[in-house]
C-alpha cells in the first residue's frame, strides 16, 4: 500500500508535456531570431549613417580652412567592424561619402552601400 501512495504523490512532467514545451520554444525561437537579427542589422546601419554624418561635418570644416574638400586619407577615414568608409568624386566643390558593408552586415542586402554627398543627397533612400 505504501508503494502505491508514493507513486500517486510524485510530481513531474510526462514525455508528451516535455515535447509540447520544446515545440513551443522552437516555434518562438524560429520567429524571434530572424527578427532580432534584422534589428541588429538596422542598428549597425544607423551607426554607419552616424559616421557618414560625422564625416560630412569634417568635410565642411576642412573646406572652410582649405577651400576644397578632403580625400579619405586627409580625413583619416578608418573602417569599422561592419563598414568600410571612403570618399569619392572629390573636387573643390563636390564629394560623395560611401559606407560599404562588410562581414555579417552584407546580409543587409538592400543597403550594402550607403551614400551621402555635399548636398545631403542620401542614397539609397530606403537605407536612410
C-alpha atoms as a PDB file:
ATOM      1  CA  UNK A   1       0.000   0.000   0.000  1.00  0.00           C
ATOM      2  CA  UNK A   2       2.809   2.415   0.793  1.00  0.00           C
ATOM      3  CA  UNK A   3       4.286   1.933  -2.707  1.00  0.00           C
ATOM      4  CA  UNK A   4       1.008   2.884  -4.334  1.00  0.00           C
ATOM      5  CA  UNK A   5       0.618   6.014  -2.186  1.00  0.00           C
ATOM      6  CA  UNK A   6       4.162   7.067  -3.039  1.00  0.00           C
ATOM      7  CA  UNK A   7       3.538   6.871  -6.816  1.00  0.00           C
ATOM      8  CA  UNK A   8       0.361   8.893  -6.552  1.00  0.00           C
ATOM      9  CA  UNK A   9       2.173  11.750  -4.787  1.00  0.00           C
ATOM     10  CA  UNK A  10       5.019  12.021  -7.315  1.00  0.00           C
ATOM     11  CA  UNK A  11       5.011  15.145  -9.440  1.00  0.00           C
ATOM     12  CA  UNK A  12       6.800  15.640 -12.733  1.00  0.00           C
ATOM     13  CA  UNK A  13       6.453  16.072 -16.447  1.00  0.00           C
ATOM     14  CA  UNK A  14       5.390  13.441 -18.886  1.00  0.00           C
ATOM     15  CA  UNK A  15       7.234  12.959 -22.141  1.00  0.00           C
ATOM     16  CA  UNK A  16       4.319  14.453 -24.089  1.00  0.00           C
ATOM     17  CA  UNK A  17       4.308  17.599 -21.952  1.00  0.00           C
ATOM     18  CA  UNK A  18       8.045  17.966 -22.409  1.00  0.00           C
ATOM     19  CA  UNK A  19       7.767  17.523 -26.191  1.00  0.00           C
ATOM     20  CA  UNK A  20       4.997  20.146 -26.398  1.00  0.00           C
ATOM     21  CA  UNK A  21       7.138  22.578 -24.394  1.00  0.00           C
ATOM     22  CA  UNK A  22      10.137  22.008 -26.661  1.00  0.00           C
ATOM     23  CA  UNK A  23       7.966  22.512 -29.749  1.00  0.00           C
ATOM     24  CA  UNK A  24       6.579  25.804 -28.403  1.00  0.00           C
ATOM     25  CA  UNK A  25      10.066  27.080 -27.562  1.00  0.00           C
ATOM     26  CA  UNK A  26      11.237  26.070 -31.053  1.00  0.00           C
ATOM     27  CA  UNK A  27       8.408  27.956 -32.735  1.00  0.00           C
ATOM     28  CA  UNK A  28       9.040  31.071 -30.658  1.00  0.00           C
ATOM     29  CA  UNK A  29      12.756  30.839 -31.463  1.00  0.00           C
ATOM     30  CA  UNK A  30      12.084  30.463 -35.183  1.00  0.00           C
ATOM     31  CA  UNK A  31      10.057  33.674 -35.117  1.00  0.00           C
ATOM     32  CA  UNK A  32      12.213  35.710 -32.735  1.00  0.00           C
ATOM     33  CA  UNK A  33      15.738  35.049 -34.037  1.00  0.00           C
ATOM     34  CA  UNK A  34      15.251  36.436 -37.596  1.00  0.00           C
ATOM     35  CA  UNK A  35      13.501  39.490 -36.190  1.00  0.00           C
ATOM     36  CA  UNK A  36      16.326  40.054 -33.729  1.00  0.00           C
ATOM     37  CA  UNK A  37      18.969  39.707 -36.456  1.00  0.00           C
ATOM     38  CA  UNK A  38      17.150  42.261 -38.623  1.00  0.00           C
ATOM     39  CA  UNK A  39      17.093  44.654 -35.676  1.00  0.00           C
ATOM     40  CA  UNK A  40      20.859  44.198 -35.232  1.00  0.00           C
ATOM     41  CA  UNK A  41      21.493  44.914 -38.945  1.00  0.00           C
ATOM     42  CA  UNK A  42      19.368  48.084 -38.750  1.00  0.00           C
ATOM     43  CA  UNK A  43      21.286  49.190 -35.657  1.00  0.00           C
ATOM     44  CA  UNK A  44      24.619  48.738 -37.456  1.00  0.00           C
ATOM     45  CA  UNK A  45      23.226  50.665 -40.435  1.00  0.00           C
ATOM     46  CA  UNK A  46      22.337  53.508 -38.076  1.00  0.00           C
ATOM     47  CA  UNK A  47      25.929  53.508 -36.833  1.00  0.00           C
ATOM     48  CA  UNK A  48      27.133  53.806 -40.451  1.00  0.00           C
ATOM     49  CA  UNK A  49      24.770  56.708 -41.135  1.00  0.00           C
ATOM     50  CA  UNK A  50      26.014  58.449 -37.991  1.00  0.00           C
ATOM     51  CA  UNK A  51      29.610  58.012 -39.164  1.00  0.00           C
ATOM     52  CA  UNK A  52      28.722  59.420 -42.597  1.00  0.00           C
ATOM     53  CA  UNK A  53      27.180  62.488 -40.965  1.00  0.00           C
ATOM     54  CA  UNK A  54      30.299  62.915 -38.819  1.00  0.00           C
ATOM     55  CA  UNK A  55      32.482  62.699 -41.935  1.00  0.00           C
ATOM     56  CA  UNK A  56      30.257  65.293 -43.618  1.00  0.00           C
ATOM     57  CA  UNK A  57      30.873  67.709 -40.748  1.00  0.00           C
ATOM     58  CA  UNK A  58      34.615  67.052 -41.015  1.00  0.00           C
ATOM     59  CA  UNK A  59      34.464  67.708 -44.777  1.00  0.00           C
ATOM     60  CA  UNK A  60      32.755  71.049 -44.234  1.00  0.00           C
ATOM     61  CA  UNK A  61      35.295  72.052 -41.566  1.00  0.00           C
ATOM     62  CA  UNK A  62      38.131  71.042 -43.915  1.00  0.00           C
ATOM     63  CA  UNK A  63      36.643  73.114 -46.743  1.00  0.00           C
ATOM     64  CA  UNK A  64      36.402  76.186 -44.525  1.00  0.00           C
ATOM     65  CA  UNK A  65      40.139  76.006 -43.909  1.00  0.00           C
ATOM     66  CA  UNK A  66      41.372  74.759 -47.308  1.00  0.00           C
ATOM     67  CA  UNK A  67      38.806  75.979 -49.856  1.00  0.00           C
ATOM     68  CA  UNK A  68      38.327  72.405 -51.154  1.00  0.00           C
ATOM     69  CA  UNK A  69      37.074  69.078 -49.883  1.00  0.00           C
ATOM     70  CA  UNK A  70      39.350  66.397 -48.439  1.00  0.00           C
ATOM     71  CA  UNK A  71      40.218  62.906 -49.600  1.00  0.00           C
ATOM     72  CA  UNK A  72      39.659  59.906 -47.346  1.00  0.00           C
ATOM     73  CA  UNK A  73      43.336  59.954 -46.337  1.00  0.00           C
ATOM     74  CA  UNK A  74      43.184  63.640 -45.414  1.00  0.00           C
ATOM     75  CA  UNK A  75      40.124  62.994 -43.240  1.00  0.00           C
ATOM     76  CA  UNK A  76      41.730  59.962 -41.615  1.00  0.00           C
ATOM     77  CA  UNK A  77      38.789  57.725 -42.505  1.00  0.00           C
ATOM     78  CA  UNK A  78      39.000  54.369 -40.715  1.00  0.00           C
ATOM     79  CA  UNK A  79      36.927  51.217 -41.251  1.00  0.00           C
ATOM     80  CA  UNK A  80      34.727  49.726 -38.569  1.00  0.00           C
ATOM     81  CA  UNK A  81      33.900  46.099 -37.949  1.00  0.00           C
ATOM     82  CA  UNK A  82      30.872  46.179 -40.262  1.00  0.00           C
ATOM     83  CA  UNK A  83      31.544  49.035 -42.730  1.00  0.00           C
ATOM     84  CA  UNK A  84      34.353  50.471 -44.810  1.00  0.00           C
ATOM     85  CA  UNK A  85      34.152  54.225 -45.414  1.00  0.00           C
ATOM     86  CA  UNK A  86      35.513  56.058 -48.436  1.00  0.00           C
ATOM     87  CA  UNK A  87      35.294  59.400 -50.222  1.00  0.00           C
ATOM     88  CA  UNK A  88      34.696  59.573 -53.977  1.00  0.00           C
ATOM     89  CA  UNK A  89      34.070  62.296 -56.579  1.00  0.00           C
ATOM     90  CA  UNK A  90      36.249  64.711 -54.605  1.00  0.00           C
ATOM     91  CA  UNK A  91      36.756  68.185 -56.071  1.00  0.00           C
ATOM     92  CA  UNK A  92      36.820  71.732 -54.768  1.00  0.00           C
ATOM     93  CA  UNK A  93      33.012  71.767 -54.705  1.00  0.00           C
ATOM     94  CA  UNK A  94      31.814  68.160 -54.548  1.00  0.00           C
ATOM     95  CA  UNK A  95      32.315  64.847 -52.774  1.00  0.00           C
ATOM     96  CA  UNK A  96      30.439  61.642 -52.069  1.00  0.00           C
ATOM     97  CA  UNK A  97      30.863  59.741 -48.809  1.00  0.00           C
ATOM     98  CA  UNK A  98      30.374  56.000 -49.144  1.00  0.00           C
ATOM     99  CA  UNK A  99      29.778  53.348 -46.467  1.00  0.00           C
ATOM    100  CA  UNK A 100      30.241  49.824 -47.811  1.00  0.00           C
ATOM    101  CA  UNK A 101      29.008  46.881 -45.749  1.00  0.00           C
ATOM    102  CA  UNK A 102      31.354  44.038 -44.896  1.00  0.00           C
ATOM    103  CA  UNK A 103      31.260  40.830 -42.897  1.00  0.00           C
ATOM    104  CA  UNK A 104      27.948  39.956 -41.282  1.00  0.00           C
ATOM    105  CA  UNK A 105      26.439  43.250 -42.449  1.00  0.00           C
ATOM    106  CA  UNK A 106      26.490  42.003 -46.064  1.00  0.00           C
ATOM    107  CA  UNK A 107      23.222  40.210 -45.224  1.00  0.00           C
ATOM    108  CA  UNK A 108      21.616  43.660 -45.218  1.00  0.00           C
ATOM    109  CA  UNK A 109      21.269  43.238 -48.986  1.00  0.00           C
ATOM    110  CA  UNK A 110      19.220  46.366 -49.728  1.00  0.00           C
ATOM    111  CA  UNK A 111      21.802  48.598 -48.044  1.00  0.00           C
ATOM    112  CA  UNK A 112      25.246  47.186 -48.756  1.00  0.00           C
ATOM    113  CA  UNK A 113      26.314  50.654 -49.942  1.00  0.00           C
ATOM    114  CA  UNK A 114      25.085  53.896 -48.358  1.00  0.00           C
ATOM    115  CA  UNK A 115      25.974  57.273 -49.899  1.00  0.00           C
ATOM    116  CA  UNK A 116      25.887  60.895 -48.786  1.00  0.00           C
ATOM    117  CA  UNK A 117      27.064  63.854 -50.870  1.00  0.00           C
ATOM    118  CA  UNK A 118      27.848  67.513 -50.200  1.00  0.00           C
ATOM    119  CA  UNK A 119      24.222  68.500 -50.923  1.00  0.00           C
ATOM    120  CA  UNK A 120      22.856  65.997 -48.370  1.00  0.00           C
ATOM    121  CA  UNK A 121      21.588  63.674 -51.116  1.00  0.00           C
ATOM    122  CA  UNK A 122      21.187  60.327 -49.383  1.00  0.00           C
ATOM    123  CA  UNK A 123      21.095  57.140 -51.418  1.00  0.00           C
ATOM    124  CA  UNK A 124      19.579  54.631 -51.432  1.00  0.00           C
ATOM    125  CA  UNK A 125      16.719  56.465 -49.746  1.00  0.00           C
ATOM    126  CA  UNK A 126      15.289  53.335 -48.075  1.00  0.00           C
ATOM    127  CA  UNK A 127      18.548  52.989 -46.131  1.00  0.00           C
ATOM    128  CA  UNK A 128      18.206  56.403 -44.546  1.00  0.00           C
END
